[in-house]
Amino acid sequence: MKHINKHSRIPLYIQLMDILIEEMENELGEHEQLSPEREICSKYDVSRTTVRQAINELERDGYIYKVQGKGTFVSPKRVKQDLIKFYSFTEEMKKQGKIPFSKVLTFEVVEADRKLSGKLSIAEGSKVYVFSRLRLADNVPMMLGTSYVPYDLFPGISKRDLETTALYDLFTKRFHTSITKAEELFTPVMTRAHESRLLNMPDSIPSLRIERFTYMGNQIIEYTNTIARGDKFKYRVSLEN
């Protein structure tokens, strides 16, 4: 069992957080209950104030959640996403044993203005699909995004198609398009009120805004602006010298 080092410069509550995180990752399952505060105080010889500060920080960071009158429980584990290879939400959720679902909130065809034509590298006035989707895994909201797709490359896509078929499956199977790469830009953000409502999350939880450009060769075939819940994802990048 790890111990608190009271002579360390690292604050006691941070040491306790690290211990509890390791315990949750290695010993406790999702939705299992943490020990009561008084037991944690006794086990690690720290004050109730230290325990409460650690618990509050863990809750803020999304590791745990509280149920009034019942206790503190381990949150569902974050989805791990490796950023060194191309990925799709649908396929990644399936790999992790979750059932993915996309709820199409809006769907329309518009004429590209100057900004949108620049994003997609198409002529101003070209027709573009614009659709917003709430992405869920096991009925839990995970991501909220708006996608922009050139109409002329993929004519005839309907809202029903997007509700029943993954977008990249439409690209590859119906239109025989080969996706060659994607570029993403990540920005930490605080969600707006309507985004928090749709994602069923508190306003206080930080999230990531992900801009993705998907390519077929040198041609952009999709631009997407997505909010990913900060308490549901963690991303990994491998760096080599």
Protein backbone atom coordinates (compact mmCIF):
# COMPACT_ATOMS: atom_id res chain seq x y z
CA MET A 1 0.00 0.00 0.00
CA LYS A 2 1.29 3.45 -0.87
CA HIS A 3 1.77 5.97 1.91
CA ILE A 4 1.49 9.72 2.24
CA ASN A 5 4.88 11.41 2.60
CA LYS A 6 4.29 14.25 5.04
CA HIS A 7 7.83 15.59 4.48
CA SER A 8 7.34 15.97 0.73
CA ARG A 9 6.85 19.36 -0.92
CA ILE A 10 3.92 17.86 -2.81
CA PRO A 11 0.67 18.87 -1.07
CA LEU A 12 -0.96 16.08 0.90
CA TYR A 13 -4.23 16.24 -1.05
CA ILE A 14 -2.39 15.80 -4.36
CA GLN A 15 -0.51 12.77 -3.01
CA LEU A 16 -3.84 11.36 -1.85
CA MET A 17 -5.40 12.03 -5.25
CA ASP A 18 -2.63 10.04 -6.96
CA ILE A 19 -3.13 7.14 -4.56
CA LEU A 20 -6.91 7.10 -5.05
CA ILE A 21 -6.58 7.33 -8.84
CA GLU A 22 -4.24 4.33 -8.87
CA GLU A 23 -6.66 2.45 -6.62
CA MET A 24 -9.59 3.22 -8.93
CA GLU A 25 -7.66 2.18 -12.03
CA ASN A 26 -6.30 -1.07 -10.62
CA GLU A 27 -8.75 -2.26 -7.96
CA LEU A 28 -12.17 -0.70 -8.47
CA GLY A 29 -14.60 -1.04 -11.36
CA GLU A 30 -16.89 1.55 -12.88
CA HIS A 31 -19.66 2.69 -10.48
CA GLU A 32 -18.02 0.95 -7.50
CA GLN A 33 -18.17 2.90 -4.26
CA LEU A 34 -15.13 4.54 -2.69
CA SER A 35 -14.43 4.06 1.01
CA PRO A 36 -16.08 6.61 3.31
CA GLU A 37 -14.06 9.72 4.15
CA ARG A 38 -13.41 8.61 7.75
CA GLU A 39 -11.91 5.30 6.52
CA ILE A 40 -9.64 7.13 4.07
CA CYS A 41 -8.56 9.47 6.91
CA SER A 42 -7.65 6.50 9.07
CA LYS A 43 -6.03 4.47 6.30
CA TYR A 44 -3.67 7.23 5.14
CA ASP A 45 -3.40 9.21 8.40
CA VAL A 46 -4.63 12.49 6.96
CA SER A 47 -7.22 15.03 8.07
CA ARG A 48 -10.83 15.17 6.92
CA THR A 49 -9.98 18.50 5.23
CA THR A 50 -7.27 16.82 3.13
CA VAL A 51 -9.61 13.99 2.12
CA ARG A 52 -12.40 16.36 1.16
CA GLN A 53 -10.06 18.51 -0.93
CA ALA A 54 -8.80 15.42 -2.77
CA ILE A 55 -12.34 14.10 -3.30
CA ASN A 56 -13.57 17.47 -4.58
CA GLU A 57 -10.69 17.70 -7.06
CA LEU A 58 -11.29 14.13 -8.27
CA GLU A 59 -14.95 14.96 -8.80
CA ARG A 60 -14.07 18.13 -10.70
CA ASP A 61 -11.69 16.17 -12.92
CA GLY A 62 -14.37 13.56 -13.67
CA TYR A 63 -12.82 10.56 -11.90
CA ILE A 64 -15.71 10.17 -9.45
CA TYR A 65 -19.30 11.22 -8.92
CA LYS A 66 -21.41 11.66 -5.81
CA VAL A 67 -24.91 10.39 -5.09
CA GLN A 68 -26.74 12.26 -2.35
CA GLY A 69 -27.24 10.06 0.69
CA LYS A 70 -25.37 7.10 -0.82
CA GLY A 71 -21.72 8.01 -1.26
CA THR A 72 -18.98 8.54 -3.82
CA PHE A 73 -18.56 6.27 -6.85
CA VAL A 74 -16.03 5.62 -9.63
CA SER A 75 -16.98 7.30 -12.91
CA PRO A 76 -17.02 5.29 -16.14
CA LYS A 77 -13.50 5.09 -17.53
CA ARG A 78 -12.45 7.62 -20.15
CA VAL A 79 -12.21 6.46 -23.75
CA LYS A 80 -8.54 6.19 -24.71
CA GLN A 81 -7.77 7.56 -28.16
CA ASP A 82 -4.44 7.09 -29.90
CA LEU A 83 -3.72 10.08 -32.12
CA ILE A 84 -1.00 8.55 -34.27
CA LYS A 85 -3.46 6.86 -36.64
CA PHE A 86 -6.77 7.62 -38.33
CA TYR A 87 -9.84 6.81 -36.23
CA SER A 88 -13.61 7.10 -36.36
CA PHE A 89 -15.93 7.49 -33.38
CA THR A 90 -18.13 4.55 -34.40
CA GLU A 91 -15.28 2.07 -34.84
CA GLU A 92 -13.47 3.16 -31.68
CA MET A 93 -16.58 2.71 -29.55
CA LYS A 94 -17.16 -0.76 -31.00
CA LYS A 95 -13.55 -1.74 -30.22
CA GLN A 96 -14.11 -0.78 -26.60
CA GLY A 97 -17.27 -2.84 -26.30
CA LYS A 98 -19.66 0.10 -26.39
CA ILE A 99 -22.71 0.57 -28.60
CA PRO A 100 -22.32 3.76 -30.69
CA PHE A 101 -25.27 5.83 -31.86
CA SER A 102 -25.56 9.14 -33.69
CA LYS A 103 -28.57 11.38 -33.19
CA VAL A 104 -28.89 13.82 -36.09
CA LEU A 105 -30.03 17.14 -34.63
CA THR A 106 -30.03 19.26 -37.80
CA PHE A 107 -29.54 18.54 -41.50
CA GLU A 108 -29.55 20.94 -44.45
CA VAL A 109 -27.86 21.80 -47.73
CA VAL A 110 -26.48 25.34 -47.97
CA GLU A 111 -24.38 27.44 -50.33
CA ALA A 112 -20.82 27.89 -49.12
CA ASP A 113 -19.93 31.40 -48.02
CA ARG A 114 -16.38 32.73 -48.15
CA LYS A 115 -15.38 31.23 -44.79
CA LEU A 116 -16.82 27.78 -45.52
CA SER A 117 -15.46 27.67 -49.06
CA GLY A 118 -12.03 28.42 -47.58
CA LYS A 119 -12.34 25.59 -45.04
CA LEU A 120 -13.29 23.06 -47.71
CA SER A 121 -11.19 24.54 -50.54
CA ILE A 122 -14.22 24.76 -52.85
CA ALA A 123 -15.77 27.57 -54.88
CA GLU A 124 -17.90 30.09 -53.04
CA GLY A 125 -21.58 29.27 -53.65
CA SER A 126 -20.98 25.51 -53.97
CA LYS A 127 -23.57 23.31 -52.27
CA VAL A 128 -22.54 21.83 -48.91
CA TYR A 129 -24.20 19.42 -46.49
CA VAL A 130 -24.32 20.85 -42.98
CA PHE A 131 -25.44 18.56 -40.18
CA SER A 132 -25.11 18.45 -36.41
CA ARG A 133 -24.91 15.16 -34.54
CA LEU A 134 -24.90 14.08 -30.93
CA ARG A 135 -22.59 11.08 -30.62
CA LEU A 136 -23.47 8.58 -27.89
CA ALA A 137 -21.92 5.39 -26.52
CA ASP A 138 -24.17 3.06 -24.52
CA ASN A 139 -26.72 5.92 -24.56
CA VAL A 140 -24.28 8.30 -22.84
CA PRO A 141 -23.61 11.58 -24.73
CA MET A 142 -19.92 11.77 -25.63
CA MET A 143 -19.46 14.30 -28.43
CA LEU A 144 -21.41 17.06 -30.16
CA GLY A 145 -20.33 18.08 -33.62
CA THR A 146 -21.23 19.90 -36.81
CA SER A 147 -19.94 18.51 -40.11
CA TYR A 148 -19.57 20.16 -43.51
CA VAL A 149 -19.34 17.94 -46.59
CA PRO A 150 -19.19 19.01 -50.28
CA TYR A 151 -22.50 18.03 -51.89
CA ASP A 152 -21.06 17.44 -55.36
CA LEU A 153 -18.70 14.74 -54.09
CA PHE A 154 -21.46 12.80 -52.33
CA PRO A 155 -24.85 13.62 -53.89
CA GLY A 156 -28.03 12.15 -52.43
CA ILE A 157 -27.07 11.74 -48.77
CA SER A 158 -30.13 12.05 -46.53
CA LYS A 159 -30.72 12.60 -42.84
CA ARG A 160 -31.93 9.00 -42.66
CA ASP A 161 -28.61 7.79 -44.08
CA LEU A 162 -26.72 9.52 -41.29
CA GLU A 163 -29.01 8.03 -38.66
CA THR A 164 -28.49 4.48 -39.87
CA THR A 165 -24.98 4.43 -41.36
CA ALA A 166 -21.63 5.79 -40.17
CA LEU A 167 -20.53 8.72 -42.31
CA TYR A 168 -17.21 7.14 -43.24
CA ASP A 169 -19.02 3.96 -44.26
CA LEU A 170 -21.12 6.07 -46.63
CA PHE A 171 -17.95 7.57 -48.06
CA THR A 172 -16.21 4.25 -48.62
CA LYS A 173 -19.06 1.86 -49.43
CA ARG A 174 -21.59 3.94 -51.33
CA PHE A 175 -19.22 6.37 -52.99
CA HIS A 176 -16.08 4.20 -53.10
CA THR A 177 -13.99 6.99 -51.61
CA SER A 178 -10.64 6.23 -50.00
CA ILE A 179 -9.87 8.32 -46.94
CA THR A 180 -6.13 8.96 -46.95
CA LYS A 181 -5.59 11.15 -43.90
CA ALA A 182 -7.10 13.57 -41.41
CA GLU A 183 -5.73 16.62 -39.64
CA GLU A 184 -7.00 17.70 -36.24
CA LEU A 185 -6.63 20.80 -34.09
CA PHE A 186 -7.40 20.51 -30.34
CA THR A 187 -8.41 23.46 -28.18
CA PRO A 188 -9.42 23.23 -24.49
CA VAL A 189 -12.73 25.02 -23.92
CA MET A 190 -15.55 25.47 -21.44
CA THR A 191 -18.80 24.38 -23.04
CA ARG A 192 -21.63 26.80 -23.72
CA ALA A 193 -24.93 26.32 -21.89
CA HIS A 194 -26.73 24.63 -24.81
CA GLU A 195 -23.75 22.32 -25.45
CA SER A 196 -23.66 21.28 -21.79
CA ARG A 197 -27.40 20.60 -21.90
CA LEU A 198 -27.14 18.36 -24.96
CA LEU A 199 -24.09 16.55 -23.58
CA ASN A 200 -25.81 16.16 -20.19
CA MET A 201 -22.81 17.53 -18.31
CA PRO A 202 -22.15 20.35 -15.82
CA ASP A 203 -20.90 23.65 -17.25
CA SER A 204 -17.84 23.38 -15.00
CA ILE A 205 -16.31 20.36 -16.78
CA PRO A 206 -13.62 21.38 -19.31
CA SER A 207 -13.91 19.91 -22.79
CA LEU A 208 -11.98 19.75 -26.03
CA ARG A 209 -12.96 21.44 -29.26
CA ILE A 210 -11.70 19.31 -32.15
CA GLU A 211 -11.48 20.65 -35.68
CA ARG A 212 -10.98 17.86 -38.22
CA PHE A 213 -10.15 18.05 -41.91
CA THR A 214 -10.59 14.70 -43.66
CA TYR A 215 -8.84 14.12 -46.98
CA MET A 216 -9.10 11.99 -50.10
CA GLY A 217 -5.63 12.55 -51.53
CA ASN A 218 -5.18 16.32 -51.46
CA GLN A 219 -8.92 17.02 -51.53
CA ILE A 220 -10.82 17.92 -48.36
CA ILE A 221 -13.98 15.83 -48.18
CA GLU A 222 -15.13 16.78 -44.68
CA TYR A 223 -14.64 19.56 -42.15
CA THR A 224 -16.00 18.91 -38.65
CA ASN A 225 -16.11 21.06 -35.53
CA THR A 226 -16.72 18.89 -32.46
CA ILE A 227 -16.96 19.25 -28.70
CA ALA A 228 -15.65 16.17 -26.84
CA ARG A 229 -16.46 15.78 -23.16
CA GLY A 230 -13.33 16.22 -21.07
CA ASP A 231 -14.55 13.69 -18.52
CA LYS A 232 -15.08 10.95 -21.13
CA PHE A 233 -11.90 11.02 -23.24
CA LYS A 234 -8.17 10.98 -22.86
CA TYR A 235 -5.79 11.25 -25.81
CA ARG A 236 -2.36 9.75 -26.32
CA VAL A 237 0.43 10.88 -28.62
CA SER A 238 3.62 8.85 -29.07
CA LEU A 239 6.77 10.92 -29.62
CA GLU A 240 9.95 9.40 -30.99
CA ASN A 241 13.41 10.91 -31.21
